[in-house]
Amino acid sequence: MSDQTGNEPPRKIASKKGAKTSKSASGAAWTFPKNTLEDAIRVPKAIEEKNAGNPLPATDLAVAVGYRQANDWRFQVLARSADQYGLVSWSGVRAPVSITKLGQDVVAPSSPSQRSEALLAAFRSVKDFEKVEKFYGGKRIPEDEFFLNTLTREFEIPRDRVETFASVFLENLKYLRAFTPSPTHAETAASSGDIQQGTPRATTPPEKVPGPIVSREPRIREFLDTCFVMMPFGAWFDRYYQEIYAPAIKEAGFEPVRADELFSTGSVVEQIWEQIEKAKLLLADLSGKNANVFYELGLAHAARKPVIFTAAAVEDVPFDLRHLRVIIYDIREPEWAPRLRKAIADYLRNATKDPGKSIPHPFRRFIEEAESEELLSRAKRKQ
């Protein structure tokens, strides 16, 4: 059984007098979060969205982040993680949860730089993370076994918690790099090599696109909410994504993500499913009836996610989906690119206000039922 922080209850360990005990911490409080920074941000974000940044009762907060009740141990672990990052003030299920100044800078910053600085500060609020970061100082972190041994020997991370520490620490570093990328020497050399060979940069305005060559420069992440883009790859579609779709998504306040931008190891389908679950909205270009796009669309609908559609021809859109938000574009029309960009941004904003209209009815019914349960639960608590 776990306590309110999700920790294991203490166990008696028999040892001989004078014997050296192993570095185990069963029963002791966790000195680092069990959740990643990206996951913990859900807590202050829910407070900001549901209650305009004002303190929120733990019961309401639990529902807002996807749990039915505040005494769910998973919610309590998540809330404690957010507290350890310095994003919220958490003191248990009986007290309201308030967002901190640092949490406000993360979820409602006045500039992208303020957000990136706040994210780094939240990461370093965990002293164990800060110590390990300084120890390596930007150097390459060794393979798993040696890294785990270093964490235990140099930083006294308990052996029974070291794998969790390493996983959360490395995921946090990857997340922070997305907001403040610094190209490696190899990437810089490759980029300069492209220039010397005469490869053109993608600086041509969308409405005067001369060819399908597209720059692959790293993009600095600005927004917390993502929009996962499902579309064909290669040639012109890559250019459309870089110069029309991605800027439009950013104009609407979302971070664009496409499957070919995922570089982690593991199953491609698992990575796509992870991004679909994380995304607040999705965009699908159905042009050419690409099989991969339709497969990913099925996953998105199964996850009950709002999706807006674009297509070069209405015939590419299945009849059963034409009643949803669909943008038809024609590249032969003058000024088609800026018009498409504006339409995408507008549709995304509208889908944010009323996501139900971008979800097919059979899947929408589950969301409506969940919302009804939430309203009923709130009414009972007020009685």
Protein backbone atom coordinates (compact mmCIF):
# COMPACT_ATOMS: atom_id res chain seq x y z
CA MET A 1 0.00 0.00 0.00
CA SER A 2 1.24 3.53 -0.76
CA ASP A 3 0.95 6.68 1.34
CA GLN A 4 -0.36 10.03 0.08
CA THR A 5 2.91 10.82 -1.72
CA GLY A 6 2.91 7.48 -3.54
CA ASN A 7 5.91 6.22 -1.55
CA GLU A 8 6.32 2.66 -0.36
CA PRO A 9 5.69 2.13 3.38
CA PRO A 10 8.82 1.49 5.47
CA ARG A 11 10.01 -2.10 5.73
CA LYS A 12 12.21 -3.52 8.47
CA ILE A 13 15.60 -4.57 7.18
CA ALA A 14 17.52 -7.10 9.25
CA SER A 15 21.26 -6.55 9.33
CA LYS A 16 24.17 -7.75 11.39
CA LYS A 17 25.75 -5.38 13.85
CA GLY A 18 28.49 -3.39 12.18
CA ALA A 19 27.51 -4.57 8.73
CA LYS A 20 27.41 -1.96 5.95
CA THR A 21 23.84 -1.36 4.79
CA SER A 22 22.94 -1.03 1.09
CA LYS A 23 21.86 2.30 -0.35
CA SER A 24 18.16 1.61 -0.15
CA ALA A 25 15.58 4.24 0.74
CA SER A 26 12.43 2.21 1.26
CA GLY A 27 10.05 4.28 3.35
CA ALA A 28 12.04 7.53 3.11
CA ALA A 29 10.58 10.57 1.37
CA TRP A 30 11.48 10.95 -2.28
CA THR A 31 13.91 13.84 -2.83
CA PHE A 32 13.09 14.14 -6.53
CA PRO A 33 9.85 14.05 -8.58
CA LYS A 34 8.52 10.78 -9.95
CA ASN A 35 6.99 12.64 -12.89
CA THR A 36 8.74 14.51 -15.68
CA LEU A 37 8.58 18.28 -15.85
CA GLU A 38 6.37 18.07 -18.94
CA ASP A 39 3.89 15.87 -17.10
CA ALA A 40 3.96 17.95 -13.90
CA ILE A 41 3.12 21.11 -15.86
CA ARG A 42 -0.40 19.71 -16.28
CA VAL A 43 -1.11 20.76 -12.69
CA PRO A 44 -0.42 24.53 -12.87
CA LYS A 45 -1.84 24.57 -16.40
CA ALA A 46 -5.15 23.18 -15.12
CA ILE A 47 -5.26 25.81 -12.37
CA GLU A 48 -4.64 28.55 -14.92
CA GLU A 49 -7.25 27.28 -17.38
CA LYS A 50 -9.97 26.17 -14.96
CA ASN A 51 -9.74 28.91 -12.32
CA ALA A 52 -7.84 31.80 -13.93
CA GLY A 53 -4.77 31.04 -11.84
CA ASN A 54 -6.60 31.21 -8.51
CA PRO A 55 -6.23 28.41 -5.91
CA LEU A 56 -8.23 25.34 -6.90
CA PRO A 57 -9.63 22.68 -4.54
CA ALA A 58 -7.76 19.41 -4.87
CA THR A 59 -10.99 17.60 -5.77
CA ASP A 60 -11.60 19.87 -8.76
CA LEU A 61 -7.94 19.83 -9.75
CA ALA A 62 -7.87 16.03 -9.79
CA VAL A 63 -10.77 15.96 -12.27
CA ALA A 64 -9.14 18.69 -14.37
CA VAL A 65 -5.99 16.61 -14.90
CA GLY A 66 -7.86 13.40 -15.68
CA TYR A 67 -8.59 11.63 -12.37
CA ARG A 68 -11.94 10.98 -10.78
CA GLN A 69 -11.01 11.85 -7.20
CA ALA A 70 -8.28 13.55 -5.20
CA ASN A 71 -7.39 10.48 -3.15
CA ASP A 72 -6.21 8.69 -6.29
CA TRP A 73 -2.54 8.00 -5.52
CA ARG A 74 -1.53 8.85 -9.12
CA PHE A 75 -2.97 12.33 -8.77
CA GLN A 76 -1.22 12.84 -5.46
CA VAL A 77 2.12 11.77 -6.91
CA LEU A 78 1.59 14.17 -9.84
CA ALA A 79 0.67 17.06 -7.53
CA ARG A 80 3.68 16.38 -5.31
CA SER A 81 5.93 16.36 -8.38
CA ALA A 82 4.59 19.75 -9.44
CA ASP A 83 5.30 20.99 -5.91
CA GLN A 84 8.87 19.66 -6.02
CA TYR A 85 9.47 21.53 -9.29
CA GLY A 86 8.25 24.69 -7.57
CA LEU A 87 5.26 25.07 -9.89
CA VAL A 88 2.50 24.84 -7.25
CA SER A 89 2.03 24.78 -3.49
CA TRP A 90 0.66 21.39 -2.49
CA SER A 91 -0.06 20.38 1.11
CA GLY A 92 -2.50 17.51 0.71
CA VAL A 93 -5.97 16.72 -0.56
CA ARG A 94 -7.80 18.85 2.01
CA ALA A 95 -6.18 22.15 1.05
CA PRO A 96 -6.60 24.20 -2.15
CA VAL A 97 -3.68 24.00 -4.57
CA SER A 98 -2.19 27.33 -5.60
CA ILE A 99 0.08 28.18 -8.50
CA THR A 100 3.44 29.79 -7.75
CA LYS A 101 5.14 32.70 -9.51
CA LEU A 102 7.40 30.19 -11.24
CA GLY A 103 4.37 28.17 -12.33
CA GLN A 104 2.76 31.31 -13.78
CA ASP A 105 5.92 32.08 -15.74
CA VAL A 106 5.73 28.60 -17.26
CA VAL A 107 2.04 28.41 -18.17
CA ALA A 108 1.28 32.11 -18.78
CA PRO A 109 4.54 33.88 -19.67
CA SER A 110 4.85 37.31 -21.24
CA SER A 111 7.45 36.04 -23.74
CA PRO A 112 8.94 32.75 -25.00
CA SER A 113 12.24 33.55 -23.26
CA GLN A 114 10.47 33.94 -19.92
CA ARG A 115 8.96 30.48 -20.35
CA SER A 116 12.27 28.83 -21.26
CA GLU A 117 14.00 30.47 -18.29
CA ALA A 118 11.20 29.40 -15.96
CA LEU A 119 11.35 25.82 -17.21
CA LEU A 120 15.07 25.67 -16.51
CA ALA A 121 14.51 27.18 -13.05
CA ALA A 122 11.82 24.57 -12.33
CA PHE A 123 14.19 21.79 -13.35
CA ARG A 124 16.90 23.18 -11.08
CA SER A 125 14.45 23.53 -8.20
CA VAL A 126 15.13 19.84 -7.69
CA LYS A 127 18.56 19.95 -6.06
CA ASP A 128 19.49 16.42 -7.11
CA PHE A 129 18.81 17.30 -10.76
CA GLU A 130 20.82 20.50 -10.46
CA LYS A 131 23.82 18.68 -8.96
CA VAL A 132 23.89 16.03 -11.67
CA GLU A 133 23.51 18.67 -14.39
CA LYS A 134 26.49 20.63 -13.03
CA PHE A 135 28.54 17.45 -12.65
CA TYR A 136 28.30 16.61 -16.35
CA GLY A 137 28.40 20.24 -17.47
CA GLY A 138 26.99 19.58 -20.93
CA LYS A 139 29.25 16.59 -21.54
CA ARG A 140 27.93 13.35 -22.97
CA ILE A 141 26.14 11.24 -20.36
CA PRO A 142 27.52 7.66 -20.32
CA GLU A 143 25.61 4.47 -21.08
CA ASP A 144 22.92 3.29 -18.66
CA GLU A 145 25.00 1.08 -16.36
CA PHE A 146 27.78 3.63 -15.81
CA PHE A 147 25.33 6.51 -15.42
CA LEU A 148 23.33 4.59 -12.82
CA ASN A 149 26.50 3.70 -10.94
CA THR A 150 27.61 7.33 -10.94
CA LEU A 151 24.24 8.47 -9.61
CA THR A 152 24.47 6.01 -6.74
CA ARG A 153 28.14 6.52 -5.87
CA GLU A 154 28.57 10.27 -6.46
CA PHE A 155 25.11 11.57 -5.59
CA GLU A 156 23.84 8.89 -3.21
CA ILE A 157 20.68 8.25 -5.18
CA PRO A 158 19.23 5.08 -3.59
CA ARG A 159 19.78 1.98 -5.68
CA ASP A 160 16.06 1.10 -5.65
CA ARG A 161 15.19 4.54 -7.08
CA VAL A 162 18.09 5.25 -9.40
CA GLU A 163 16.38 4.00 -12.58
CA THR A 164 13.40 6.27 -11.97
CA PHE A 165 15.77 9.18 -11.33
CA ALA A 166 17.72 8.55 -14.52
CA SER A 167 14.58 8.22 -16.64
CA VAL A 168 12.99 11.43 -15.34
CA PHE A 169 16.29 13.36 -15.48
CA LEU A 170 17.01 12.42 -19.10
CA GLU A 171 13.45 13.09 -20.25
CA ASN A 172 13.65 16.52 -18.63
CA LEU A 173 16.89 17.34 -20.43
CA LYS A 174 15.30 16.40 -23.76
CA TYR A 175 12.26 18.54 -22.97
CA LEU A 176 14.38 21.56 -22.01
CA ARG A 177 16.50 21.27 -25.16
CA ALA A 178 13.36 21.67 -27.28
CA PHE A 179 12.82 25.15 -25.80
CA THR A 180 16.49 26.21 -25.87
CA PRO A 181 18.24 24.16 -28.58
CA SER A 182 21.98 24.53 -29.07
CA PRO A 183 23.26 22.81 -32.22
CA THR A 184 26.21 20.48 -31.81
CA HIS A 185 29.51 21.03 -33.62
CA ALA A 186 28.53 18.32 -36.10
CA GLU A 187 25.17 19.97 -36.77
CA THR A 188 26.85 23.35 -37.25
CA ALA A 189 29.40 21.85 -39.63
CA ALA A 190 26.69 20.08 -41.59
CA SER A 191 24.69 23.28 -41.85
CA SER A 192 27.68 25.29 -43.09
CA GLY A 193 28.46 22.50 -45.55
CA ASP A 194 25.01 22.81 -47.04
CA ILE A 195 25.57 26.52 -47.61
CA GLN A 196 28.91 25.94 -49.30
CA GLN A 197 27.34 23.41 -51.63
CA GLY A 198 24.76 25.95 -52.66
CA THR A 199 21.67 24.38 -51.15
CA PRO A 200 19.07 27.19 -50.98
CA ARG A 201 17.42 28.12 -47.71
CA ALA A 202 13.62 28.08 -47.39
CA THR A 203 13.19 31.86 -47.21
CA THR A 204 10.85 32.29 -50.18
CA PRO A 205 7.34 33.43 -49.19
CA PRO A 206 4.74 30.63 -49.39
CA GLU A 207 2.84 32.34 -52.16
CA LYS A 208 5.93 32.29 -54.41
CA VAL A 209 7.27 28.81 -53.69
CA PRO A 210 9.74 27.88 -56.48
CA GLY A 211 10.55 24.28 -55.55
CA PRO A 212 10.14 21.49 -53.00
CA ILE A 213 13.58 21.88 -51.31
CA VAL A 214 13.12 22.68 -47.62
CA SER A 215 15.53 23.69 -44.87
CA ARG A 216 15.88 21.34 -41.89
CA GLU A 217 17.06 23.91 -39.34
CA PRO A 218 16.06 23.13 -35.73
CA ARG A 219 12.97 24.94 -34.53
CA ILE A 220 12.85 26.44 -31.05
CA ARG A 221 9.79 25.33 -29.14
CA GLU A 222 7.63 28.14 -27.74
CA PHE A 223 4.29 26.65 -26.64
CA LEU A 224 3.26 24.00 -24.10
CA ASP A 225 0.22 22.70 -26.02
CA THR A 226 1.03 20.75 -29.16
CA CYS A 227 -0.78 20.21 -32.45
CA PHE A 228 0.18 16.90 -34.04
CA VAL A 229 0.20 17.08 -37.83
CA MET A 230 -0.75 14.01 -39.86
CA MET A 231 0.23 14.44 -43.50
CA PRO A 232 2.28 12.83 -46.29
CA PHE A 233 6.07 13.36 -46.26
CA GLY A 234 8.46 14.44 -48.99
CA ALA A 235 8.71 16.94 -51.81
CA TRP A 236 6.09 19.68 -51.69
CA PHE A 237 4.38 18.45 -48.54
CA ASP A 238 7.54 19.11 -46.52
CA ARG A 239 7.59 22.66 -47.81
CA TYR A 240 3.91 23.17 -47.08
CA TYR A 241 4.52 22.00 -43.53
CA GLN A 242 7.51 24.28 -42.92
CA GLU A 243 6.15 27.43 -44.52
CA ILE A 244 2.37 27.18 -44.16
CA TYR A 245 1.24 24.62 -41.61
CA ALA A 246 3.84 25.17 -38.86
CA PRO A 247 3.57 29.00 -38.87
CA ALA A 248 -0.26 28.81 -38.88
CA ILE A 249 -0.23 26.42 -35.91
CA LYS A 250 2.09 28.75 -34.01
CA GLU A 251 -0.17 31.71 -34.80
CA ALA A 252 -3.00 29.79 -33.12
CA GLY A 253 -0.86 29.26 -30.01
CA PHE A 254 0.26 25.65 -30.45
CA GLU A 255 3.55 23.89 -31.03
CA PRO A 256 3.55 21.94 -34.33
CA VAL A 257 4.80 18.34 -34.22
CA ARG A 258 5.10 15.92 -37.14
CA ALA A 259 6.02 12.23 -37.07
CA ASP A 260 9.32 12.71 -38.92
CA GLU A 261 10.46 15.08 -36.15
CA LEU A 262 10.41 12.26 -33.58
CA PHE A 263 13.93 10.96 -33.04
CA SER A 264 13.65 8.73 -29.97
CA THR A 265 14.17 4.98 -30.16
CA GLY A 266 11.34 2.47 -30.09
CA SER A 267 8.30 1.63 -32.16
CA VAL A 268 7.21 4.37 -34.56
CA VAL A 269 3.54 3.59 -33.91
CA GLU A 270 4.09 3.88 -30.15
CA GLN A 271 5.76 7.27 -30.60
CA ILE A 272 2.93 8.49 -32.82
CA TRP A 273 0.34 7.28 -30.31
CA GLU A 274 2.22 9.09 -27.52
CA GLN A 275 2.19 12.35 -29.48
CA ILE A 276 -1.50 11.96 -30.33
CA GLU A 277 -2.33 11.49 -26.65
CA LYS A 278 -0.23 14.52 -25.67
CA ALA A 279 -1.63 16.81 -28.38
CA LYS A 280 -4.46 19.17 -27.56
CA LEU A 281 -5.48 19.41 -31.21
CA LEU A 282 -4.54 17.59 -34.40
CA LEU A 283 -4.42 18.53 -38.07
CA ALA A 284 -4.74 16.01 -40.90
CA ASP A 285 -4.01 16.69 -44.58
CA LEU A 286 -6.05 14.08 -46.44
CA SER A 287 -4.69 14.96 -49.88
CA GLY A 288 -4.05 11.87 -51.95
CA LYS A 289 -5.81 9.58 -49.43
CA ASN A 290 -2.49 8.57 -47.86
CA ALA A 291 -2.89 5.28 -45.94
CA ASN A 292 -0.57 6.30 -43.08
CA VAL A 293 -2.49 9.52 -42.55
CA PHE A 294 -5.80 7.67 -42.34
CA TYR A 295 -4.32 5.14 -39.90
CA GLU A 296 -3.09 7.96 -37.63
CA LEU A 297 -6.48 9.66 -37.99
CA GLY A 298 -8.16 6.50 -36.72
CA LEU A 299 -5.88 6.56 -33.68
CA ALA A 300 -6.74 10.21 -33.07
CA HIS A 301 -10.47 9.53 -33.17
CA ALA A 302 -10.04 6.53 -30.87
CA ALA A 303 -8.26 8.89 -28.44
CA ARG A 304 -11.26 11.28 -28.78
CA LYS A 305 -9.07 14.13 -29.95
CA PRO A 306 -10.36 17.10 -31.97
CA VAL A 307 -8.99 17.10 -35.53
CA ILE A 308 -9.27 19.68 -38.30
CA PHE A 309 -8.80 18.61 -41.91
CA THR A 310 -7.19 20.05 -45.01
CA ALA A 311 -7.30 18.56 -48.50
CA ALA A 312 -6.41 19.55 -52.03
CA ALA A 313 -9.72 18.11 -53.27
CA VAL A 314 -13.03 17.45 -51.56
CA GLU A 315 -13.00 13.96 -53.10
CA ASP A 316 -10.05 13.11 -50.80
CA VAL A 317 -12.26 13.61 -47.74
CA PRO A 318 -14.43 10.60 -46.81
CA PHE A 319 -18.12 11.43 -46.96
CA ASP A 320 -18.59 10.59 -43.27
CA LEU A 321 -16.07 13.29 -42.29
CA ARG A 322 -17.21 16.16 -44.51
CA HIS A 323 -19.51 17.55 -41.82
CA LEU A 324 -16.48 18.26 -39.60
CA ARG A 325 -14.03 21.16 -39.90
CA VAL A 326 -12.53 20.74 -43.40
CA ILE A 327 -10.41 23.25 -45.36
CA ILE A 328 -10.21 22.68 -49.10
CA TYR A 329 -7.31 24.43 -50.86
CA ASP A 330 -6.38 24.75 -54.53
CA ILE A 331 -2.73 25.51 -55.33
CA ARG A 332 -3.78 26.87 -58.73
CA GLU A 333 -5.59 29.81 -57.13
CA PRO A 334 -3.78 33.12 -56.56
CA GLU A 335 -2.70 33.76 -52.95
CA TRP A 336 -3.73 30.24 -51.98
CA ALA A 337 -0.87 29.80 -49.48
CA PRO A 338 -1.53 32.82 -47.21
CA ARG A 339 -5.27 32.09 -47.34
CA LEU A 340 -4.66 28.49 -46.28
CA ARG A 341 -2.37 29.63 -43.48
CA LYS A 342 -5.00 32.04 -42.14
CA ALA A 343 -7.77 29.44 -42.43
CA ILE A 344 -5.76 26.87 -40.49
CA ALA A 345 -5.04 29.34 -37.68
CA ASP A 346 -8.73 30.36 -37.51
CA TYR A 347 -9.99 26.77 -37.52
CA LEU A 348 -7.56 25.80 -34.75
CA ARG A 349 -8.72 28.71 -32.58
CA ASN A 350 -12.36 27.75 -33.13
CA ALA A 351 -11.62 24.11 -32.35
CA THR A 352 -10.05 25.21 -29.07
CA LYS A 353 -13.24 27.01 -28.07
CA ASP A 354 -15.53 24.15 -29.11
CA PRO A 355 -13.52 20.93 -29.55
CA GLY A 356 -16.64 18.76 -29.74
CA LYS A 357 -17.39 19.95 -33.26
CA SER A 358 -14.11 18.46 -34.44
CA ILE A 359 -14.79 15.00 -33.03
CA PRO A 360 -17.10 12.45 -34.76
CA HIS A 361 -20.34 11.94 -32.85
CA PRO A 362 -19.79 8.33 -31.65
CA PHE A 363 -16.58 9.42 -29.91
CA ARG A 364 -18.01 12.78 -28.83
CA ARG A 365 -20.67 10.96 -26.80
CA PHE A 366 -18.04 9.64 -24.38
CA ILE A 367 -16.73 13.15 -23.80
CA GLU A 368 -20.22 14.51 -23.20
CA GLU A 369 -20.88 11.76 -20.68
CA ALA A 370 -17.62 12.54 -18.87
CA GLU A 371 -18.48 16.24 -18.74
CA SER A 372 -21.93 15.41 -17.34
CA GLU A 373 -20.33 13.28 -14.63
CA GLU A 374 -17.99 16.13 -13.74
CA LEU A 375 -20.86 18.62 -13.43
CA LEU A 376 -22.86 16.18 -11.32
CA SER A 377 -19.87 15.57 -9.07
CA ARG A 378 -19.39 19.30 -8.53
CA ALA A 379 -23.06 19.77 -7.73
CA LYS A 380 -22.94 17.03 -5.10
CA ARG A 381 -19.89 18.58 -3.44
CA LYS A 382 -21.65 21.95 -3.14
CA GLN A 383 -24.68 20.42 -1.42
